[in-house]
Amino acid sequence: MGAPYVGLRHQEIPDAGVITRVAQQIGGSVGIAVLTVVLQPASLGAHGPGALADAFDRAFWWSVALTALAVPLCLPLPGRPRPPSPTGPARSGAVAGPRRPTV
């Protein structure tokens, strides 16, 4: 959920917040709809607790499959930026930026 915020300026963060919220709402709605479509026909003919448990078992494995499908899609998302090296120019006392001519 942090991927939309990587590399943003402070003023752009609210826009990324809206994007993540919309993605949560749409993803949750689609996920519940798919699991309902799987569970409804399986539980329609259930006559007893054992048959109903089998229907929920089928819905459970569908949710595991959908999660397994989502994991590879998340791997190429950008990660947290690496911190600057402690031996870099910012720590060694060097001044960053253009040099000024000496008079």
C-alpha atoms as a PDB file:
ATOM      1  CA  MET A   1       0.000   0.000   0.000  1.00  0.00           C
ATOM      2  CA  GLY A   2       2.996   2.307   0.203  1.00  0.00           C
ATOM      3  CA  ALA A   3       3.921   2.055  -3.487  1.00  0.00           C
ATOM      4  CA  PRO A   4       1.783   5.037  -4.605  1.00  0.00           C
ATOM      5  CA  TYR A   5       3.647   7.303  -2.171  1.00  0.00           C
ATOM      6  CA  VAL A   6       7.204   6.536  -3.371  1.00  0.00           C
ATOM      7  CA  GLY A   7       8.926   9.608  -4.769  1.00  0.00           C
ATOM      8  CA  LEU A   8       6.068  12.058  -4.187  1.00  0.00           C
ATOM      9  CA  ARG A   9       6.393  15.628  -3.025  1.00  0.00           C
ATOM     10  CA  HIS A  10       4.473  16.640   0.076  1.00  0.00           C
ATOM     11  CA  GLN A  11       1.734  18.346  -1.966  1.00  0.00           C
ATOM     12  CA  GLU A  12       1.077  15.200  -4.031  1.00  0.00           C
ATOM     13  CA  ILE A  13       0.429  12.849  -1.094  1.00  0.00           C
ATOM     14  CA  PRO A  14      -3.345  13.523  -0.843  1.00  0.00           C
ATOM     15  CA  ASP A  15      -3.780  12.470  -4.477  1.00  0.00           C
ATOM     16  CA  ALA A  16      -2.012   9.163  -3.803  1.00  0.00           C
ATOM     17  CA  GLY A  17      -4.240   8.666  -0.760  1.00  0.00           C
ATOM     18  CA  VAL A  18      -7.312   8.899  -2.959  1.00  0.00           C
ATOM     19  CA  ILE A  19      -5.855   6.373  -5.409  1.00  0.00           C
ATOM     20  CA  THR A  20      -5.098   3.840  -2.679  1.00  0.00           C
ATOM     21  CA  ARG A  21      -8.564   4.241  -1.156  1.00  0.00           C
ATOM     22  CA  VAL A  22     -10.270   3.694  -4.532  1.00  0.00           C
ATOM     23  CA  ALA A  23      -8.101   0.611  -5.146  1.00  0.00           C
ATOM     24  CA  GLN A  24      -9.090  -0.790  -1.739  1.00  0.00           C
ATOM     25  CA  GLN A  25     -12.784  -0.215  -2.356  1.00  0.00           C
ATOM     26  CA  ILE A  26     -12.806  -1.700  -5.866  1.00  0.00           C
ATOM     27  CA  GLY A  27     -10.557  -4.634  -4.925  1.00  0.00           C
ATOM     28  CA  GLY A  28     -12.638  -5.492  -1.877  1.00  0.00           C
ATOM     29  CA  SER A  29     -15.893  -5.292  -3.798  1.00  0.00           C
ATOM     30  CA  VAL A  30     -14.645  -7.447  -6.662  1.00  0.00           C
ATOM     31  CA  GLY A  31     -13.131  -9.988  -4.254  1.00  0.00           C
ATOM     32  CA  ILE A  32     -16.350 -10.350  -2.265  1.00  0.00           C
ATOM     33  CA  ALA A  33     -18.380 -10.628  -5.491  1.00  0.00           C
ATOM     34  CA  VAL A  34     -16.142 -13.428  -6.821  1.00  0.00           C
ATOM     35  CA  LEU A  35     -16.276 -15.356  -3.553  1.00  0.00           C
ATOM     36  CA  THR A  36     -20.056 -14.932  -3.435  1.00  0.00           C
ATOM     37  CA  VAL A  37     -20.383 -16.293  -6.968  1.00  0.00           C
ATOM     38  CA  VAL A  38     -18.309 -19.310  -5.902  1.00  0.00           C
ATOM     39  CA  LEU A  39     -20.104 -19.858  -2.579  1.00  0.00           C
ATOM     40  CA  GLN A  40     -23.712 -19.385  -3.723  1.00  0.00           C
ATOM     41  CA  PRO A  41     -24.005 -22.334  -6.144  1.00  0.00           C
ATOM     42  CA  ALA A  42     -21.994 -24.583  -3.833  1.00  0.00           C
ATOM     43  CA  SER A  43     -24.221 -23.847  -0.851  1.00  0.00           C
ATOM     44  CA  LEU A  44     -27.526 -23.852  -2.765  1.00  0.00           C
ATOM     45  CA  GLY A  45     -28.002 -27.602  -2.574  1.00  0.00           C
ATOM     46  CA  ALA A  46     -26.433 -28.020   0.867  1.00  0.00           C
ATOM     47  CA  HIS A  47     -28.652 -30.049   3.186  1.00  0.00           C
ATOM     48  CA  GLY A  48     -26.794 -30.154   6.458  1.00  0.00           C
ATOM     49  CA  PRO A  49     -23.758 -28.695   8.155  1.00  0.00           C
ATOM     50  CA  GLY A  50     -21.276 -31.013   6.402  1.00  0.00           C
ATOM     51  CA  ALA A  51     -22.381 -29.963   2.914  1.00  0.00           C
ATOM     52  CA  LEU A  52     -22.316 -26.300   3.921  1.00  0.00           C
ATOM     53  CA  ALA A  53     -18.812 -26.743   5.342  1.00  0.00           C
ATOM     54  CA  ASP A  54     -17.731 -28.201   1.987  1.00  0.00           C
ATOM     55  CA  ALA A  55     -19.106 -25.108   0.229  1.00  0.00           C
ATOM     56  CA  PHE A  56     -17.152 -22.799   2.521  1.00  0.00           C
ATOM     57  CA  ASP A  57     -14.068 -24.979   2.016  1.00  0.00           C
ATOM     58  CA  ARG A  58     -14.375 -24.418  -1.732  1.00  0.00           C
ATOM     59  CA  ALA A  59     -14.682 -20.653  -1.204  1.00  0.00           C
ATOM     60  CA  PHE A  60     -11.614 -20.746   1.048  1.00  0.00           C
ATOM     61  CA  TRP A  61      -9.498 -22.370  -1.658  1.00  0.00           C
ATOM     62  CA  TRP A  62     -10.723 -19.844  -4.199  1.00  0.00           C
ATOM     63  CA  SER A  63      -9.583 -17.034  -1.889  1.00  0.00           C
ATOM     64  CA  VAL A  64      -6.176 -18.717  -1.540  1.00  0.00           C
ATOM     65  CA  ALA A  65      -5.915 -18.965  -5.339  1.00  0.00           C
ATOM     66  CA  LEU A  66      -6.818 -15.294  -5.801  1.00  0.00           C
ATOM     67  CA  THR A  67      -4.220 -14.295  -3.220  1.00  0.00           C
ATOM     68  CA  ALA A  68      -1.599 -16.427  -4.966  1.00  0.00           C
ATOM     69  CA  LEU A  69      -2.510 -14.673  -8.215  1.00  0.00           C
ATOM     70  CA  ALA A  70      -2.088 -11.231  -6.631  1.00  0.00           C
ATOM     71  CA  VAL A  71       1.351 -11.854  -5.103  1.00  0.00           C
ATOM     72  CA  PRO A  72       3.321 -11.953  -8.403  1.00  0.00           C
ATOM     73  CA  LEU A  73       1.502  -8.812  -9.521  1.00  0.00           C
ATOM     74  CA  CYS A  74       2.807  -7.003  -6.433  1.00  0.00           C
ATOM     75  CA  LEU A  75       6.454  -7.993  -6.819  1.00  0.00           C
ATOM     76  CA  PRO A  76       7.388  -5.388  -9.485  1.00  0.00           C
ATOM     77  CA  LEU A  77       6.013  -2.530  -7.372  1.00  0.00           C
ATOM     78  CA  PRO A  78       8.671  -0.066  -6.234  1.00  0.00           C
ATOM     79  CA  GLY A  79      10.103  -0.530  -2.784  1.00  0.00           C
ATOM     80  CA  ARG A  80      11.316   1.920  -0.210  1.00  0.00           C
ATOM     81  CA  PRO A  81      14.163   4.127  -1.483  1.00  0.00           C
ATOM     82  CA  ARG A  82      17.584   3.233  -0.124  1.00  0.00           C
ATOM     83  CA  PRO A  83      19.108   5.607   2.419  1.00  0.00           C
ATOM     84  CA  PRO A  84      22.132   7.604   1.272  1.00  0.00           C
ATOM     85  CA  SER A  85      25.509   5.996   1.768  1.00  0.00           C
ATOM     86  CA  PRO A  86      27.305   7.144   4.938  1.00  0.00           C
ATOM     87  CA  THR A  87      30.510   7.520   2.920  1.00  0.00           C
ATOM     88  CA  GLY A  88      28.860   9.717   0.274  1.00  0.00           C
ATOM     89  CA  PRO A  89      29.632  13.420  -0.308  1.00  0.00           C
ATOM     90  CA  ALA A  90      26.858  14.622   2.010  1.00  0.00           C
ATOM     91  CA  ARG A  91      28.610  13.108   5.051  1.00  0.00           C
ATOM     92  CA  SER A  92      32.212  13.857   4.103  1.00  0.00           C
ATOM     93  CA  GLY A  93      31.854  17.614   4.450  1.00  0.00           C
ATOM     94  CA  ALA A  94      31.842  18.393   0.734  1.00  0.00           C
ATOM     95  CA  VAL A  95      29.547  21.199  -0.343  1.00  0.00           C
ATOM     96  CA  ALA A  96      26.971  20.190  -2.929  1.00  0.00           C
ATOM     97  CA  GLY A  97      26.088  22.447  -5.806  1.00  0.00           C
ATOM     98  CA  PRO A  98      27.975  24.622  -8.276  1.00  0.00           C
ATOM     99  CA  ARG A  99      31.292  26.142  -7.237  1.00  0.00           C
ATOM    100  CA  ARG A 100      31.494  29.855  -6.820  1.00  0.00           C
ATOM    101  CA  PRO A 101      34.415  31.693  -8.348  1.00  0.00           C
ATOM    102  CA  THR A 102      36.874  33.112  -5.855  1.00  0.00           C
ATOM    103  CA  VAL A 103      37.774  36.752  -6.133  1.00  0.00           C
END
